[in-house]
N, C-alpha and C. Protein backbone atom coordinates (compact mmCIF):
# COMPACT_ATOMS: atom_id res chain seq x y z
N UNK A 1 -39.91 -26.72 32.79
CA UNK A 1 -38.93 -26.44 33.81
C UNK A 1 -38.81 -27.57 34.71
N UNK A 2 -37.52 -27.49 35.12
CA UNK A 2 -37.16 -28.50 36.12
C UNK A 2 -37.46 -28.15 37.46
N UNK A 3 -37.68 -29.14 38.37
CA UNK A 3 -37.70 -28.77 39.86
C UNK A 3 -36.67 -29.40 40.51
N UNK A 4 -35.78 -28.69 41.23
CA UNK A 4 -34.54 -28.93 41.84
C UNK A 4 -34.88 -29.34 43.35
N UNK A 5 -34.29 -30.32 43.82
CA UNK A 5 -34.41 -30.86 45.35
C UNK A 5 -33.75 -29.57 46.35
N UNK A 6 -34.34 -29.56 47.43
CA UNK A 6 -33.65 -28.78 48.41
C UNK A 6 -32.89 -29.77 49.44
N UNK A 7 -31.94 -29.12 50.01
CA UNK A 7 -31.24 -29.77 51.02
C UNK A 7 -31.97 -29.78 52.36
N UNK A 8 -32.17 -30.88 53.05
CA UNK A 8 -32.72 -30.86 54.33
C UNK A 8 -31.62 -31.50 55.33
N UNK A 9 -31.41 -31.05 56.51
CA UNK A 9 -30.41 -31.27 57.47
C UNK A 9 -31.06 -31.70 58.76
N UNK A 10 -30.50 -32.77 59.35
CA UNK A 10 -30.97 -33.19 60.85
C UNK A 10 -29.76 -32.81 61.57
N UNK A 11 -29.91 -31.74 62.43
CA UNK A 11 -28.74 -31.19 63.14
C UNK A 11 -28.27 -32.20 64.22
N UNK A 12 -29.33 -32.95 64.92
CA UNK A 12 -28.79 -33.89 65.94
C UNK A 12 -28.17 -35.00 65.46
N UNK A 13 -28.31 -35.49 64.14
CA UNK A 13 -27.75 -36.64 63.65
C UNK A 13 -26.49 -36.14 62.79
N UNK A 14 -26.47 -34.73 62.42
CA UNK A 14 -25.49 -34.21 61.63
C UNK A 14 -25.47 -35.06 60.23
N UNK A 15 -26.50 -35.10 59.65
CA UNK A 15 -26.80 -35.59 58.30
C UNK A 15 -27.43 -34.76 57.36
N UNK A 16 -27.48 -34.89 55.95
CA UNK A 16 -28.14 -33.99 55.18
C UNK A 16 -28.73 -34.99 54.09
N UNK A 17 -29.97 -34.38 53.65
CA UNK A 17 -30.58 -35.30 52.53
C UNK A 17 -31.10 -34.15 51.44
N UNK A 18 -31.24 -34.56 50.12
CA UNK A 18 -31.79 -33.93 49.22
C UNK A 18 -33.38 -34.48 48.86
N UNK A 19 -34.31 -33.58 49.17
CA UNK A 19 -35.73 -33.89 48.95
C UNK A 19 -36.48 -32.83 48.05
N UNK A 20 -37.55 -33.35 47.45
CA UNK A 20 -38.35 -32.34 46.63
C UNK A 20 -39.08 -31.63 47.82
N UNK A 21 -39.29 -30.31 47.51
CA UNK A 21 -40.09 -29.52 48.61
C UNK A 21 -41.53 -29.80 48.37
N UNK A 22 -42.23 -30.10 49.56
CA UNK A 22 -43.53 -30.46 49.52
C UNK A 22 -44.19 -29.67 50.78
N UNK A 23 -44.96 -28.64 50.59
CA UNK A 23 -45.56 -27.96 51.51
C UNK A 23 -46.58 -28.76 52.45
N UNK A 24 -46.90 -29.67 51.87
CA UNK A 24 -48.10 -30.35 52.60
C UNK A 24 -47.57 -31.49 53.61
N UNK A 25 -46.29 -31.61 53.61
CA UNK A 25 -45.85 -32.69 54.60
C UNK A 25 -44.37 -32.19 55.32
N UNK A 26 -44.25 -32.84 56.36
CA UNK A 26 -42.80 -32.37 56.80
C UNK A 26 -41.95 -33.48 56.74
N UNK A 27 -40.77 -33.39 56.35
CA UNK A 27 -39.79 -34.45 55.99
C UNK A 27 -39.14 -34.77 57.43
N UNK A 28 -38.99 -36.16 57.60
CA UNK A 28 -38.41 -36.54 58.97
C UNK A 28 -37.27 -37.42 58.64
N UNK A 29 -36.36 -37.32 59.59
CA UNK A 29 -35.02 -37.96 59.68
C UNK A 29 -35.28 -39.44 59.51
N UNK A 30 -34.59 -40.18 58.70
CA UNK A 30 -34.68 -41.65 58.64
C UNK A 30 -33.82 -42.30 59.96
N UNK A 31 -33.08 -41.49 60.45
CA UNK A 31 -32.16 -42.13 61.53
C UNK A 31 -32.81 -41.97 62.82
N UNK A 32 -33.31 -40.71 63.20
CA UNK A 32 -33.83 -40.46 64.50
C UNK A 32 -35.37 -40.09 64.55
N UNK A 33 -35.93 -40.10 63.56
CA UNK A 33 -37.40 -39.70 63.11
C UNK A 33 -37.62 -38.33 63.79
N UNK A 34 -36.70 -37.51 63.89
CA UNK A 34 -36.93 -36.07 64.19
C UNK A 34 -37.28 -35.28 62.98
N UNK A 35 -37.62 -33.96 63.07
CA UNK A 35 -38.02 -33.14 61.70
C UNK A 35 -36.53 -32.66 61.12
N UNK A 36 -36.63 -32.69 59.83
CA UNK A 36 -35.49 -32.09 59.23
C UNK A 36 -35.63 -30.59 58.79
N UNK A 37 -34.67 -29.82 58.83
CA UNK A 37 -34.64 -28.39 58.66
C UNK A 37 -34.28 -28.19 57.19
N UNK A 38 -35.07 -27.28 56.78
CA UNK A 38 -34.67 -27.00 55.16
C UNK A 38 -33.46 -26.13 55.19
N UNK A 39 -32.44 -26.42 54.52
CA UNK A 39 -31.15 -25.76 54.43
C UNK A 39 -30.90 -24.95 53.08
N UNK A 40 -31.90 -25.15 52.31
CA UNK A 40 -31.80 -24.47 50.99
C UNK A 40 -31.22 -25.17 49.74
N UNK A 41 -31.02 -24.43 48.65
CA UNK A 41 -30.45 -25.16 47.32
C UNK A 41 -28.99 -25.32 47.64
N UNK A 42 -28.20 -24.46 48.09
CA UNK A 42 -26.81 -24.19 48.11
C UNK A 42 -26.07 -24.69 49.33
N UNK A 43 -26.70 -25.49 50.04
CA UNK A 43 -25.94 -25.90 51.32
C UNK A 43 -25.04 -27.03 50.88
N UNK A 44 -23.83 -26.95 51.52
CA UNK A 44 -22.79 -27.94 51.44
C UNK A 44 -22.53 -28.42 52.75
N UNK A 45 -22.92 -29.57 53.06
CA UNK A 45 -22.94 -29.95 54.46
C UNK A 45 -21.39 -30.50 54.81
N UNK A 46 -21.00 -30.11 56.14
CA UNK A 46 -19.74 -30.49 56.45
C UNK A 46 -19.74 -31.99 56.79
N UNK A 47 -18.56 -32.54 56.98
CA UNK A 47 -18.40 -33.84 57.29
C UNK A 47 -19.18 -34.37 58.68
N UNK A 48 -19.73 -35.42 58.83
CA UNK A 48 -20.46 -35.64 60.00
C UNK A 48 -19.77 -35.55 61.22
N UNK A 49 -18.35 -35.97 61.38
CA UNK A 49 -17.73 -35.84 62.46
C UNK A 49 -17.01 -34.57 62.85
N UNK A 50 -17.41 -33.45 62.06
CA UNK A 50 -16.72 -32.14 62.14
C UNK A 50 -17.97 -31.32 63.11
N UNK A 51 -17.95 -31.54 64.41
CA UNK A 51 -18.84 -31.06 65.08
C UNK A 51 -18.95 -29.41 65.05
N UNK A 52 -17.73 -28.89 65.08
CA UNK A 52 -17.66 -27.47 65.02
C UNK A 52 -18.18 -26.91 63.96
N UNK A 53 -18.16 -27.33 62.59
CA UNK A 53 -18.63 -26.80 61.48
C UNK A 53 -20.30 -27.07 61.64
N UNK A 54 -20.62 -28.15 62.34
CA UNK A 54 -22.11 -28.34 62.35
C UNK A 54 -22.63 -27.35 63.31
N UNK A 55 -21.95 -26.92 64.41
CA UNK A 55 -22.40 -25.95 65.20
C UNK A 55 -22.61 -24.59 64.55
N UNK A 56 -21.83 -24.29 63.66
CA UNK A 56 -22.17 -23.11 62.94
C UNK A 56 -23.34 -23.29 62.07
N UNK A 57 -23.39 -24.50 61.29
CA UNK A 57 -24.77 -24.67 60.66
C UNK A 57 -25.93 -24.62 61.40
N UNK A 58 -25.86 -25.16 62.75
CA UNK A 58 -27.13 -25.13 63.57
C UNK A 58 -27.49 -23.57 63.88
N UNK A 59 -26.42 -22.70 64.20
CA UNK A 59 -26.68 -21.45 64.45
C UNK A 59 -27.35 -20.69 63.24
N UNK A 60 -26.85 -20.97 62.16
CA UNK A 60 -27.41 -20.19 60.91
C UNK A 60 -29.03 -20.67 60.67
N UNK A 61 -29.16 -21.89 60.78
CA UNK A 61 -30.44 -22.60 60.42
C UNK A 61 -31.40 -22.31 61.56
N UNK A 62 -30.91 -22.21 62.74
CA UNK A 62 -31.80 -21.88 64.01
C UNK A 62 -32.21 -20.50 64.11
N UNK A 63 -31.57 -19.53 63.17
CA UNK A 63 -31.87 -18.21 63.09
C UNK A 63 -32.85 -18.03 61.79
N UNK A 64 -33.26 -19.18 61.02
CA UNK A 64 -34.19 -18.96 60.20
C UNK A 64 -33.59 -18.83 58.73
N UNK A 65 -32.16 -18.58 58.67
CA UNK A 65 -31.45 -18.31 57.43
C UNK A 65 -31.43 -19.81 56.61
N UNK A 66 -31.25 -19.70 55.32
CA UNK A 66 -31.08 -20.78 54.42
C UNK A 66 -29.92 -20.50 53.68
N UNK A 67 -29.36 -21.55 53.00
CA UNK A 67 -28.11 -21.48 52.15
C UNK A 67 -28.63 -21.31 50.80
N UNK A 68 -28.93 -20.07 50.38
CA UNK A 68 -29.53 -19.85 49.10
C UNK A 68 -28.57 -18.74 48.49
N UNK A 69 -28.98 -18.47 47.18
CA UNK A 69 -28.14 -17.42 46.50
C UNK A 69 -28.35 -17.56 45.09
N UNK A 70 -28.33 -18.70 44.54
CA UNK A 70 -28.23 -19.00 43.07
C UNK A 70 -30.02 -19.02 42.74
N UNK A 71 -30.27 -18.77 41.56
CA UNK A 71 -31.52 -18.96 41.03
C UNK A 71 -31.89 -20.31 40.73
N UNK A 72 -33.05 -20.71 40.75
CA UNK A 72 -33.69 -21.97 40.67
C UNK A 72 -32.85 -22.99 39.44
N UNK A 73 -32.56 -22.30 38.46
CA UNK A 73 -31.82 -22.89 37.35
C UNK A 73 -30.40 -23.19 37.70
N UNK A 74 -29.70 -22.64 38.70
CA UNK A 74 -28.35 -22.75 38.96
C UNK A 74 -27.43 -21.71 38.29
N UNK A 75 -27.89 -20.74 37.66
CA UNK A 75 -27.17 -19.65 37.18
C UNK A 75 -27.53 -18.41 37.94
N UNK A 76 -26.76 -17.25 37.64
CA UNK A 76 -27.15 -16.00 38.17
C UNK A 76 -26.47 -15.64 39.39
N UNK A 77 -26.74 -15.31 40.52
CA UNK A 77 -26.33 -14.75 41.71
C UNK A 77 -25.25 -15.73 42.34
N UNK A 78 -24.52 -15.06 42.98
CA UNK A 78 -23.54 -15.76 43.92
C UNK A 78 -24.22 -16.26 45.25
N UNK A 79 -23.73 -17.33 45.62
CA UNK A 79 -24.44 -17.68 47.04
C UNK A 79 -24.12 -16.69 48.19
N UNK A 80 -25.07 -16.62 48.99
CA UNK A 80 -25.02 -15.51 50.03
C UNK A 80 -23.89 -16.07 50.92
N UNK A 81 -23.50 -15.04 51.85
CA UNK A 81 -22.51 -15.42 52.85
C UNK A 81 -23.25 -16.06 54.01
N UNK A 82 -22.53 -17.04 54.55
CA UNK A 82 -23.01 -17.66 55.83
C UNK A 82 -21.78 -18.04 56.51
N UNK A 83 -21.54 -17.90 57.97
CA UNK A 83 -20.54 -18.27 58.67
C UNK A 83 -20.16 -19.69 58.51
N UNK A 84 -19.12 -20.20 58.74
CA UNK A 84 -18.73 -21.49 58.49
C UNK A 84 -18.05 -22.02 59.89
N UNK A 85 -17.57 -21.29 60.71
CA UNK A 85 -16.89 -21.71 61.92
C UNK A 85 -17.73 -21.00 63.11
N UNK A 86 -17.45 -21.66 64.26
CA UNK A 86 -18.02 -21.29 65.54
C UNK A 86 -17.40 -19.84 66.02
N UNK A 87 -16.19 -19.58 65.59
CA UNK A 87 -15.52 -18.36 65.70
C UNK A 87 -16.15 -17.14 65.04
N UNK A 88 -16.55 -17.45 63.81
CA UNK A 88 -17.40 -16.33 63.05
C UNK A 88 -18.76 -16.22 63.49
N UNK A 89 -19.31 -17.36 63.99
CA UNK A 89 -20.67 -17.19 64.63
C UNK A 89 -20.46 -16.21 65.90
N UNK A 90 -19.54 -16.64 66.74
CA UNK A 90 -19.27 -15.88 68.00
C UNK A 90 -19.05 -14.35 67.93
N UNK A 91 -18.20 -14.02 66.68
CA UNK A 91 -18.13 -12.58 66.37
C UNK A 91 -19.42 -11.88 66.05
N UNK A 92 -20.03 -12.58 65.29
CA UNK A 92 -21.24 -11.96 64.73
C UNK A 92 -22.47 -11.71 65.91
N UNK A 93 -22.34 -12.76 66.90
CA UNK A 93 -23.19 -12.60 68.00
C UNK A 93 -22.83 -11.45 68.84
N UNK A 94 -21.54 -11.05 68.97
CA UNK A 94 -20.97 -10.11 69.84
C UNK A 94 -21.33 -8.78 69.08
N UNK A 95 -21.16 -8.63 67.79
CA UNK A 95 -21.51 -7.52 67.11
C UNK A 95 -22.95 -7.05 67.30
N UNK A 96 -24.00 -8.40 67.05
CA UNK A 96 -25.26 -8.11 67.10
C UNK A 96 -25.75 -7.45 68.38
N UNK A 97 -25.13 -8.18 69.41
CA UNK A 97 -25.51 -7.62 70.84
C UNK A 97 -25.02 -6.13 71.00
N UNK A 98 -23.77 -5.82 70.60
CA UNK A 98 -23.29 -4.44 70.66
C UNK A 98 -24.02 -3.39 69.85
N UNK A 99 -24.18 -3.78 68.76
CA UNK A 99 -24.97 -2.76 67.72
C UNK A 99 -26.58 -2.90 67.84
N UNK A 100 -27.16 -3.72 68.43
CA UNK A 100 -28.55 -3.78 68.56
C UNK A 100 -29.10 -4.43 67.49
N UNK A 101 -28.37 -5.28 66.49
CA UNK A 101 -28.86 -5.89 65.42
C UNK A 101 -29.57 -7.17 65.60
N UNK A 102 -30.43 -7.57 64.74
CA UNK A 102 -31.04 -8.91 64.75
C UNK A 102 -29.90 -9.90 64.43
N UNK A 103 -29.70 -11.05 65.28
CA UNK A 103 -28.74 -12.15 64.93
C UNK A 103 -28.78 -12.57 63.47
N UNK A 104 -30.01 -12.79 62.98
CA UNK A 104 -30.13 -13.19 61.61
C UNK A 104 -29.37 -12.01 60.57
N UNK A 105 -29.58 -11.00 60.85
CA UNK A 105 -28.99 -9.84 59.93
C UNK A 105 -27.39 -9.84 60.10
N UNK A 106 -26.89 -10.10 61.40
CA UNK A 106 -25.37 -10.09 61.58
C UNK A 106 -24.75 -11.39 61.04
N UNK A 107 -25.57 -12.55 61.06
CA UNK A 107 -25.03 -13.84 60.41
C UNK A 107 -24.85 -13.69 58.83
N UNK A 108 -25.67 -12.86 58.48
CA UNK A 108 -25.74 -12.61 56.95
C UNK A 108 -24.62 -11.69 56.29
N UNK A 109 -23.95 -11.13 57.23
CA UNK A 109 -22.77 -10.04 56.75
C UNK A 109 -21.54 -10.88 56.47
N UNK A 110 -20.94 -10.56 55.46
CA UNK A 110 -19.52 -11.05 55.27
C UNK A 110 -18.69 -10.38 56.27
N UNK A 111 -18.60 -9.09 56.38
CA UNK A 111 -17.87 -8.50 57.43
C UNK A 111 -19.00 -7.98 58.40
N UNK A 112 -18.82 -8.27 59.76
CA UNK A 112 -19.90 -8.09 60.72
C UNK A 112 -19.99 -6.59 60.96
N UNK A 113 -18.89 -5.83 60.79
CA UNK A 113 -19.00 -4.38 61.11
C UNK A 113 -19.46 -3.50 59.90
N UNK A 114 -19.43 -3.99 58.70
CA UNK A 114 -19.86 -3.18 57.52
C UNK A 114 -21.28 -3.59 57.33
N UNK A 115 -22.21 -2.50 57.12
CA UNK A 115 -23.68 -2.75 56.76
C UNK A 115 -23.71 -3.46 55.42
N UNK A 116 -24.87 -4.03 55.11
CA UNK A 116 -25.15 -4.74 53.88
C UNK A 116 -25.52 -3.55 52.83
N UNK A 117 -25.01 -3.82 51.78
CA UNK A 117 -25.38 -2.97 50.56
C UNK A 117 -26.02 -3.77 49.57
N UNK A 118 -27.38 -3.74 49.52
CA UNK A 118 -28.19 -4.47 48.47
C UNK A 118 -28.51 -3.66 47.28
């Protein structure tokens, strides 16, 4: 069985790296020496100069969500929804406050007003 690398992101430097998951150590950014945040298997990092999209990534990762969805072998499920712009994050924050939802749940919904059906 193959072991696939996970994406790790440094939100302050706006860079991403692929590393093997090792629970015994914390991955550090080679640029700033800060801790890297695990972004999951299906993370597609925005361009480094696209500050607005990195703000949406920071909101998603800050809530403890990861960009996952596919099985470890790469087949199976479709990737789960994650907001890609600050406007999408802002709408989901508003809905979470109005409806009394956890922000992580609101960020996982493709349509913020429709409950998830799993």
